[in-house]
Amino acid sequence: MIYQKGDFIGQSYEVLDLLGIGGFGAVYLVRSRRTNNVVALKTLKDELLEDAEATERFVREARIWVNLRLHPYIVRAYYVDTVHGRLCVVMEHIAPDETGLNSLEGYLRLNPPDFSQSIR
C-alpha cells in the first residue's frame, strides 16, 4: 500500500508527502501525532510483510542504523517500530536547502568534484 498525503499510518503518523520508493519499501514525510514532530518514516513493502527473511533483515539493518546514533555523515535513525502491523524506521528528515538539494547524490550531480578533490 502506498499512503497518500493526509492518510494516517496507524494512529501515530499523518502522511505529509511521499519522499521515495525503494527496494524494501517507501519513505514518507510524516507528522507524529504524539510529539507533533516532522520526521521521515521508512516502511516495508506490502509484499515483504509476510516474508520472514525480509522482515528480519529489515529489522536487523534498521537496528544497526539506529545504533550508529549521531554519525556526522548519515541520516539519523531514531527507532524501529511496528505501526498498524507494518515495520517502520523513524528517522530525521533532512529538508532540502535553498537549491533543492538534500542528498550527497544531488550535490555531486550539481557540483562534481575535480580530480584533486576526488583524490582527497
N, C-alpha and C. Protein backbone atom coordinates (compact mmCIF):
# COMPACT_ATOMS: atom_id res chain seq x y z
N MET A 1 0.84 -1.18 0.00
CA MET A 1 0.00 0.00 0.00
C MET A 1 0.89 1.25 0.00
N ILE A 2 0.59 2.16 -0.87
CA ILE A 2 1.28 3.44 -0.89
C ILE A 2 0.33 4.46 -0.25
N TYR A 3 0.79 5.08 0.82
CA TYR A 3 -0.01 6.08 1.51
C TYR A 3 0.05 7.40 0.75
N GLN A 4 -1.03 8.16 0.85
CA GLN A 4 -1.14 9.46 0.19
C GLN A 4 -1.17 10.56 1.25
N LYS A 5 -0.88 11.79 0.82
CA LYS A 5 -0.94 12.94 1.71
C LYS A 5 -2.30 12.96 2.41
N GLY A 6 -2.27 13.12 3.73
CA GLY A 6 -3.50 13.16 4.52
C GLY A 6 -3.87 11.82 5.13
N ASP A 7 -3.29 10.71 4.61
CA ASP A 7 -3.53 9.39 5.20
C ASP A 7 -2.84 9.31 6.56
N PHE A 8 -3.27 8.35 7.36
CA PHE A 8 -2.61 8.07 8.63
C PHE A 8 -2.02 6.67 8.57
N ILE A 9 -0.83 6.54 9.09
CA ILE A 9 -0.20 5.23 9.25
C ILE A 9 -0.45 4.86 10.69
N GLY A 10 -1.37 3.91 10.89
CA GLY A 10 -1.84 3.61 12.24
C GLY A 10 -2.51 4.85 12.81
N GLN A 11 -2.45 5.00 14.10
CA GLN A 11 -2.97 6.20 14.76
C GLN A 11 -1.85 7.20 15.04
N SER A 12 -0.62 6.84 14.66
CA SER A 12 0.55 7.59 15.11
C SER A 12 1.05 8.67 14.16
N TYR A 13 0.96 8.44 12.84
CA TYR A 13 1.64 9.30 11.89
C TYR A 13 0.72 9.77 10.78
N GLU A 14 0.69 11.08 10.55
CA GLU A 14 -0.04 11.67 9.44
C GLU A 14 0.92 11.86 8.28
N VAL A 15 0.57 11.34 7.11
CA VAL A 15 1.43 11.45 5.93
C VAL A 15 1.32 12.85 5.35
N LEU A 16 2.49 13.51 5.23
CA LEU A 16 2.57 14.84 4.62
C LEU A 16 3.01 14.75 3.17
N ASP A 17 3.82 13.72 2.85
CA ASP A 17 4.33 13.58 1.48
C ASP A 17 4.99 12.22 1.32
N LEU A 18 5.05 11.74 0.10
CA LEU A 18 5.83 10.55 -0.25
C LEU A 18 7.19 11.04 -0.71
N LEU A 19 8.27 10.63 -0.02
CA LEU A 19 9.61 11.08 -0.37
C LEU A 19 10.29 10.18 -1.39
N GLY A 20 9.95 8.90 -1.39
CA GLY A 20 10.56 8.00 -2.35
C GLY A 20 10.16 6.56 -2.12
N ILE A 21 10.39 5.74 -3.16
CA ILE A 21 10.11 4.30 -3.09
C ILE A 21 11.39 3.58 -3.50
N GLY A 22 11.76 2.58 -2.72
CA GLY A 22 12.98 1.83 -3.00
C GLY A 22 12.73 0.34 -2.96
N GLY A 23 13.81 -0.42 -2.84
CA GLY A 23 13.74 -1.87 -2.88
C GLY A 23 12.98 -2.50 -1.73
N PHE A 24 13.15 -1.98 -0.52
CA PHE A 24 12.50 -2.53 0.66
C PHE A 24 11.13 -1.91 0.92
N GLY A 25 10.95 -0.66 0.54
CA GLY A 25 9.69 -0.02 0.86
C GLY A 25 9.64 1.42 0.42
N ALA A 26 8.84 2.18 1.14
CA ALA A 26 8.64 3.59 0.82
C ALA A 26 9.05 4.44 2.00
N VAL A 27 9.43 5.69 1.70
CA VAL A 27 9.79 6.66 2.73
C VAL A 27 8.82 7.82 2.62
N TYR A 28 8.24 8.17 3.76
CA TYR A 28 7.25 9.23 3.83
C TYR A 28 7.72 10.35 4.75
N LEU A 29 7.28 11.55 4.45
CA LEU A 29 7.40 12.66 5.37
C LEU A 29 6.13 12.63 6.20
N VAL A 30 6.27 12.52 7.52
CA VAL A 30 5.09 12.36 8.39
C VAL A 30 5.19 13.29 9.59
N ARG A 31 4.05 13.54 10.18
CA ARG A 31 3.98 14.27 11.45
C ARG A 31 3.52 13.28 12.52
N SER A 32 4.31 13.20 13.59
CA SER A 32 3.94 12.34 14.71
C SER A 32 2.79 13.00 15.47
N ARG A 33 1.73 12.27 15.65
CA ARG A 33 0.59 12.80 16.41
C ARG A 33 0.92 12.91 17.88
N ARG A 34 1.88 12.09 18.33
CA ARG A 34 2.26 12.10 19.76
C ARG A 34 3.12 13.31 20.09
N THR A 35 4.12 13.60 19.24
CA THR A 35 5.09 14.66 19.55
C THR A 35 4.92 15.91 18.69
N ASN A 36 4.14 15.81 17.60
CA ASN A 36 3.95 16.87 16.61
C ASN A 36 5.23 17.14 15.81
N ASN A 37 6.27 16.31 15.95
CA ASN A 37 7.49 16.46 15.18
C ASN A 37 7.30 15.93 13.76
N VAL A 38 7.99 16.55 12.81
CA VAL A 38 8.01 16.07 11.43
C VAL A 38 9.26 15.22 11.26
N VAL A 39 9.06 13.98 10.82
CA VAL A 39 10.15 13.03 10.64
C VAL A 39 9.95 12.28 9.32
N ALA A 40 10.95 11.53 8.93
CA ALA A 40 10.81 10.62 7.80
C ALA A 40 10.50 9.23 8.36
N LEU A 41 9.68 8.49 7.66
CA LEU A 41 9.27 7.16 8.10
C LEU A 41 9.44 6.20 6.94
N LYS A 42 10.32 5.22 7.11
CA LYS A 42 10.53 4.20 6.09
C LYS A 42 9.71 2.98 6.47
N THR A 43 8.90 2.50 5.52
CA THR A 43 8.06 1.34 5.77
C THR A 43 8.44 0.19 4.84
N LEU A 44 8.13 -1.00 5.27
CA LEU A 44 8.38 -2.19 4.48
C LEU A 44 7.25 -2.36 3.45
N LYS A 45 7.60 -2.77 2.23
CA LYS A 45 6.59 -3.01 1.18
C LYS A 45 5.60 -4.08 1.61
N ASP A 46 4.37 -3.96 1.14
CA ASP A 46 3.32 -4.92 1.47
C ASP A 46 3.73 -6.35 1.16
N GLU A 47 4.31 -6.56 -0.03
CA GLU A 47 4.64 -7.92 -0.44
C GLU A 47 5.74 -8.55 0.41
N LEU A 48 6.44 -7.74 1.21
CA LEU A 48 7.51 -8.27 2.07
C LEU A 48 7.06 -8.47 3.51
N LEU A 49 5.85 -8.02 3.85
CA LEU A 49 5.37 -8.12 5.23
C LEU A 49 5.28 -9.56 5.72
N GLU A 50 4.97 -10.50 4.83
CA GLU A 50 4.84 -11.90 5.22
C GLU A 50 6.12 -12.70 5.01
N ASP A 51 7.16 -12.07 4.50
CA ASP A 51 8.43 -12.72 4.23
C ASP A 51 9.32 -12.60 5.46
N ALA A 52 9.44 -13.69 6.22
CA ALA A 52 10.18 -13.67 7.49
C ALA A 52 11.63 -13.25 7.30
N GLU A 53 12.27 -13.71 6.23
CA GLU A 53 13.66 -13.34 5.99
C GLU A 53 13.80 -11.84 5.70
N ALA A 54 12.90 -11.31 4.90
CA ALA A 54 12.95 -9.88 4.56
C ALA A 54 12.68 -9.02 5.78
N THR A 55 11.69 -9.40 6.58
CA THR A 55 11.38 -8.60 7.77
C THR A 55 12.52 -8.66 8.78
N GLU A 56 13.13 -9.83 8.93
CA GLU A 56 14.27 -9.97 9.84
C GLU A 56 15.44 -9.09 9.38
N ARG A 57 15.70 -9.10 8.09
CA ARG A 57 16.79 -8.29 7.54
C ARG A 57 16.49 -6.80 7.69
N PHE A 58 15.25 -6.40 7.45
CA PHE A 58 14.84 -5.01 7.62
C PHE A 58 15.09 -4.56 9.06
N VAL A 59 14.65 -5.36 10.02
CA VAL A 59 14.82 -5.02 11.44
C VAL A 59 16.30 -5.00 11.81
N ARG A 60 17.06 -5.98 11.38
CA ARG A 60 18.49 -6.05 11.70
C ARG A 60 19.23 -4.82 11.16
N GLU A 61 19.01 -4.49 9.90
CA GLU A 61 19.68 -3.34 9.30
C GLU A 61 19.22 -2.04 9.96
N ALA A 62 17.94 -1.94 10.29
CA ALA A 62 17.42 -0.73 10.95
C ALA A 62 18.04 -0.56 12.34
N ARG A 63 18.17 -1.64 13.08
CA ARG A 63 18.76 -1.55 14.43
C ARG A 63 20.23 -1.15 14.36
N ILE A 64 20.95 -1.67 13.38
CA ILE A 64 22.35 -1.25 13.19
C ILE A 64 22.38 0.25 12.91
N TRP A 65 21.50 0.70 12.05
CA TRP A 65 21.42 2.11 11.70
C TRP A 65 21.11 2.96 12.93
N VAL A 66 20.13 2.54 13.74
CA VAL A 66 19.79 3.26 14.96
C VAL A 66 20.99 3.33 15.90
N ASN A 67 21.74 2.24 16.00
CA ASN A 67 22.88 2.20 16.90
C ASN A 67 24.05 3.06 16.46
N LEU A 68 24.05 3.52 15.21
CA LEU A 68 25.09 4.43 14.77
C LEU A 68 24.92 5.81 15.40
N ARG A 69 23.78 6.08 15.93
CA ARG A 69 23.43 7.33 16.61
C ARG A 69 23.74 8.57 15.79
N LEU A 70 24.64 9.39 16.26
CA LEU A 70 24.89 10.69 15.64
C LEU A 70 26.10 10.69 14.73
N HIS A 71 26.17 9.75 13.83
CA HIS A 71 27.27 9.74 12.86
C HIS A 71 27.13 10.99 11.99
N PRO A 72 28.23 11.72 11.77
CA PRO A 72 28.12 13.01 11.06
C PRO A 72 27.77 12.90 9.58
N TYR A 73 27.86 11.73 8.98
CA TYR A 73 27.66 11.63 7.53
C TYR A 73 26.46 10.81 7.10
N ILE A 74 25.60 10.48 8.03
CA ILE A 74 24.39 9.74 7.65
C ILE A 74 23.17 10.33 8.34
N VAL A 75 22.02 10.10 7.74
CA VAL A 75 20.76 10.49 8.35
C VAL A 75 20.57 9.67 9.61
N ARG A 76 20.12 10.31 10.66
CA ARG A 76 19.95 9.61 11.94
C ARG A 76 18.63 8.84 11.96
N ALA A 77 18.72 7.57 12.31
CA ALA A 77 17.52 6.75 12.54
C ALA A 77 17.27 6.74 14.04
N TYR A 78 16.03 7.04 14.44
CA TYR A 78 15.71 7.15 15.86
C TYR A 78 15.33 5.80 16.48
N TYR A 79 14.42 5.08 15.84
CA TYR A 79 14.00 3.79 16.38
C TYR A 79 13.24 2.99 15.32
N VAL A 80 13.11 1.70 15.60
CA VAL A 80 12.34 0.77 14.77
C VAL A 80 11.02 0.54 15.50
N ASP A 81 9.94 0.51 14.74
CA ASP A 81 8.63 0.38 15.35
C ASP A 81 7.74 -0.48 14.46
N THR A 82 6.68 -1.00 15.02
CA THR A 82 5.63 -1.64 14.24
C THR A 82 4.39 -0.79 14.41
N VAL A 83 3.91 -0.25 13.30
CA VAL A 83 2.75 0.63 13.33
C VAL A 83 1.67 0.01 12.46
N HIS A 84 0.56 -0.31 13.10
CA HIS A 84 -0.58 -0.88 12.37
C HIS A 84 -0.14 -2.12 11.58
N GLY A 85 0.70 -2.99 12.21
CA GLY A 85 1.16 -4.22 11.59
C GLY A 85 2.25 -4.05 10.55
N ARG A 86 2.81 -2.85 10.46
CA ARG A 86 3.81 -2.55 9.43
C ARG A 86 5.11 -2.13 10.11
N LEU A 87 6.22 -2.78 9.70
CA LEU A 87 7.53 -2.39 10.22
C LEU A 87 7.92 -1.03 9.70
N CYS A 88 8.49 -0.19 10.57
CA CYS A 88 8.88 1.16 10.21
C CYS A 88 10.19 1.54 10.88
N VAL A 89 10.93 2.40 10.22
CA VAL A 89 12.10 3.05 10.82
C VAL A 89 11.77 4.53 10.86
N VAL A 90 11.83 5.11 12.04
CA VAL A 90 11.58 6.53 12.20
C VAL A 90 12.93 7.23 12.19
N MET A 91 13.08 8.24 11.31
CA MET A 91 14.38 8.88 11.14
C MET A 91 14.23 10.38 10.95
N GLU A 92 15.35 11.06 11.08
CA GLU A 92 15.31 12.50 10.87
C GLU A 92 15.04 12.80 9.41
N HIS A 93 14.41 13.93 9.20
CA HIS A 93 14.17 14.40 7.84
C HIS A 93 15.13 15.54 7.56
N ILE A 94 15.88 15.43 6.49
CA ILE A 94 16.79 16.49 6.06
C ILE A 94 16.06 17.29 4.99
N ALA A 95 15.64 18.50 5.34
CA ALA A 95 14.91 19.33 4.38
C ALA A 95 15.86 19.81 3.29
N PRO A 96 15.39 19.94 2.08
CA PRO A 96 16.24 20.46 1.00
C PRO A 96 16.71 21.88 1.32
N ASP A 97 17.91 22.21 0.85
CA ASP A 97 18.42 23.57 1.01
C ASP A 97 17.76 24.50 -0.01
N GLU A 98 18.23 25.74 -0.09
CA GLU A 98 17.61 26.73 -0.98
C GLU A 98 17.70 26.34 -2.45
N THR A 99 18.62 25.42 -2.80
CA THR A 99 18.72 24.97 -4.19
C THR A 99 17.93 23.69 -4.43
N GLY A 100 17.30 23.17 -3.39
CA GLY A 100 16.51 21.96 -3.53
C GLY A 100 17.26 20.68 -3.24
N LEU A 101 18.52 20.81 -2.79
CA LEU A 101 19.33 19.62 -2.52
C LEU A 101 19.20 19.16 -1.08
N ASN A 102 19.14 17.84 -0.90
CA ASN A 102 19.21 17.27 0.44
C ASN A 102 19.89 15.90 0.43
N SER A 103 20.66 15.65 -0.63
CA SER A 103 21.38 14.38 -0.70
C SER A 103 22.77 14.58 -1.28
N LEU A 104 23.66 13.71 -0.91
CA LEU A 104 25.01 13.75 -1.47
C LEU A 104 24.95 13.53 -2.98
N GLU A 105 24.10 12.62 -3.41
CA GLU A 105 23.97 12.34 -4.84
C GLU A 105 23.59 13.61 -5.61
N GLY A 106 22.62 14.35 -5.10
CA GLY A 106 22.20 15.59 -5.76
C GLY A 106 23.29 16.63 -5.76
N TYR A 107 23.99 16.76 -4.64
CA TYR A 107 25.07 17.73 -4.55
C TYR A 107 26.17 17.41 -5.56
N LEU A 108 26.55 16.14 -5.62
CA LEU A 108 27.63 15.76 -6.54
C LEU A 108 27.21 15.91 -8.00
N ARG A 109 25.93 15.72 -8.27
CA ARG A 109 25.45 15.90 -9.64
C ARG A 109 25.59 17.36 -10.07
N LEU A 110 25.29 18.28 -9.15
CA LEU A 110 25.38 19.71 -9.47
C LEU A 110 26.80 20.27 -9.33
N ASN A 111 27.57 19.67 -8.43
CA ASN A 111 28.93 20.16 -8.15
C ASN A 111 29.92 19.01 -8.19
N PRO A 112 30.16 18.41 -9.34
CA PRO A 112 31.05 17.26 -9.37
C PRO A 112 32.47 17.66 -8.95
N PRO A 113 33.11 16.83 -8.16
CA PRO A 113 34.45 17.15 -7.69
C PRO A 113 35.45 17.07 -8.84
N ASP A 114 36.47 17.93 -8.77
CA ASP A 114 37.54 17.82 -9.76
C ASP A 114 38.46 16.67 -9.31
N PHE A 115 39.44 16.38 -10.12
CA PHE A 115 40.32 15.24 -9.85
C PHE A 115 41.00 15.34 -8.50
N SER A 116 41.53 16.52 -8.15
CA SER A 116 42.24 16.65 -6.87
C SER A 116 41.31 16.49 -5.68
N GLN A 117 40.08 16.98 -5.79
CA GLN A 117 39.11 16.77 -4.72
C GLN A 117 38.78 15.28 -4.57
N SER A 118 38.65 14.60 -5.68
CA SER A 118 38.33 13.17 -5.65
C SER A 118 39.43 12.39 -4.96
N ILE A 119 40.68 12.74 -5.23
CA ILE A 119 41.81 12.04 -4.61
C ILE A 119 41.81 12.28 -3.10
N ARG A 120 41.53 13.54 -2.70
CA ARG A 120 41.50 13.87 -1.26
C ARG A 120 40.39 13.11 -0.59
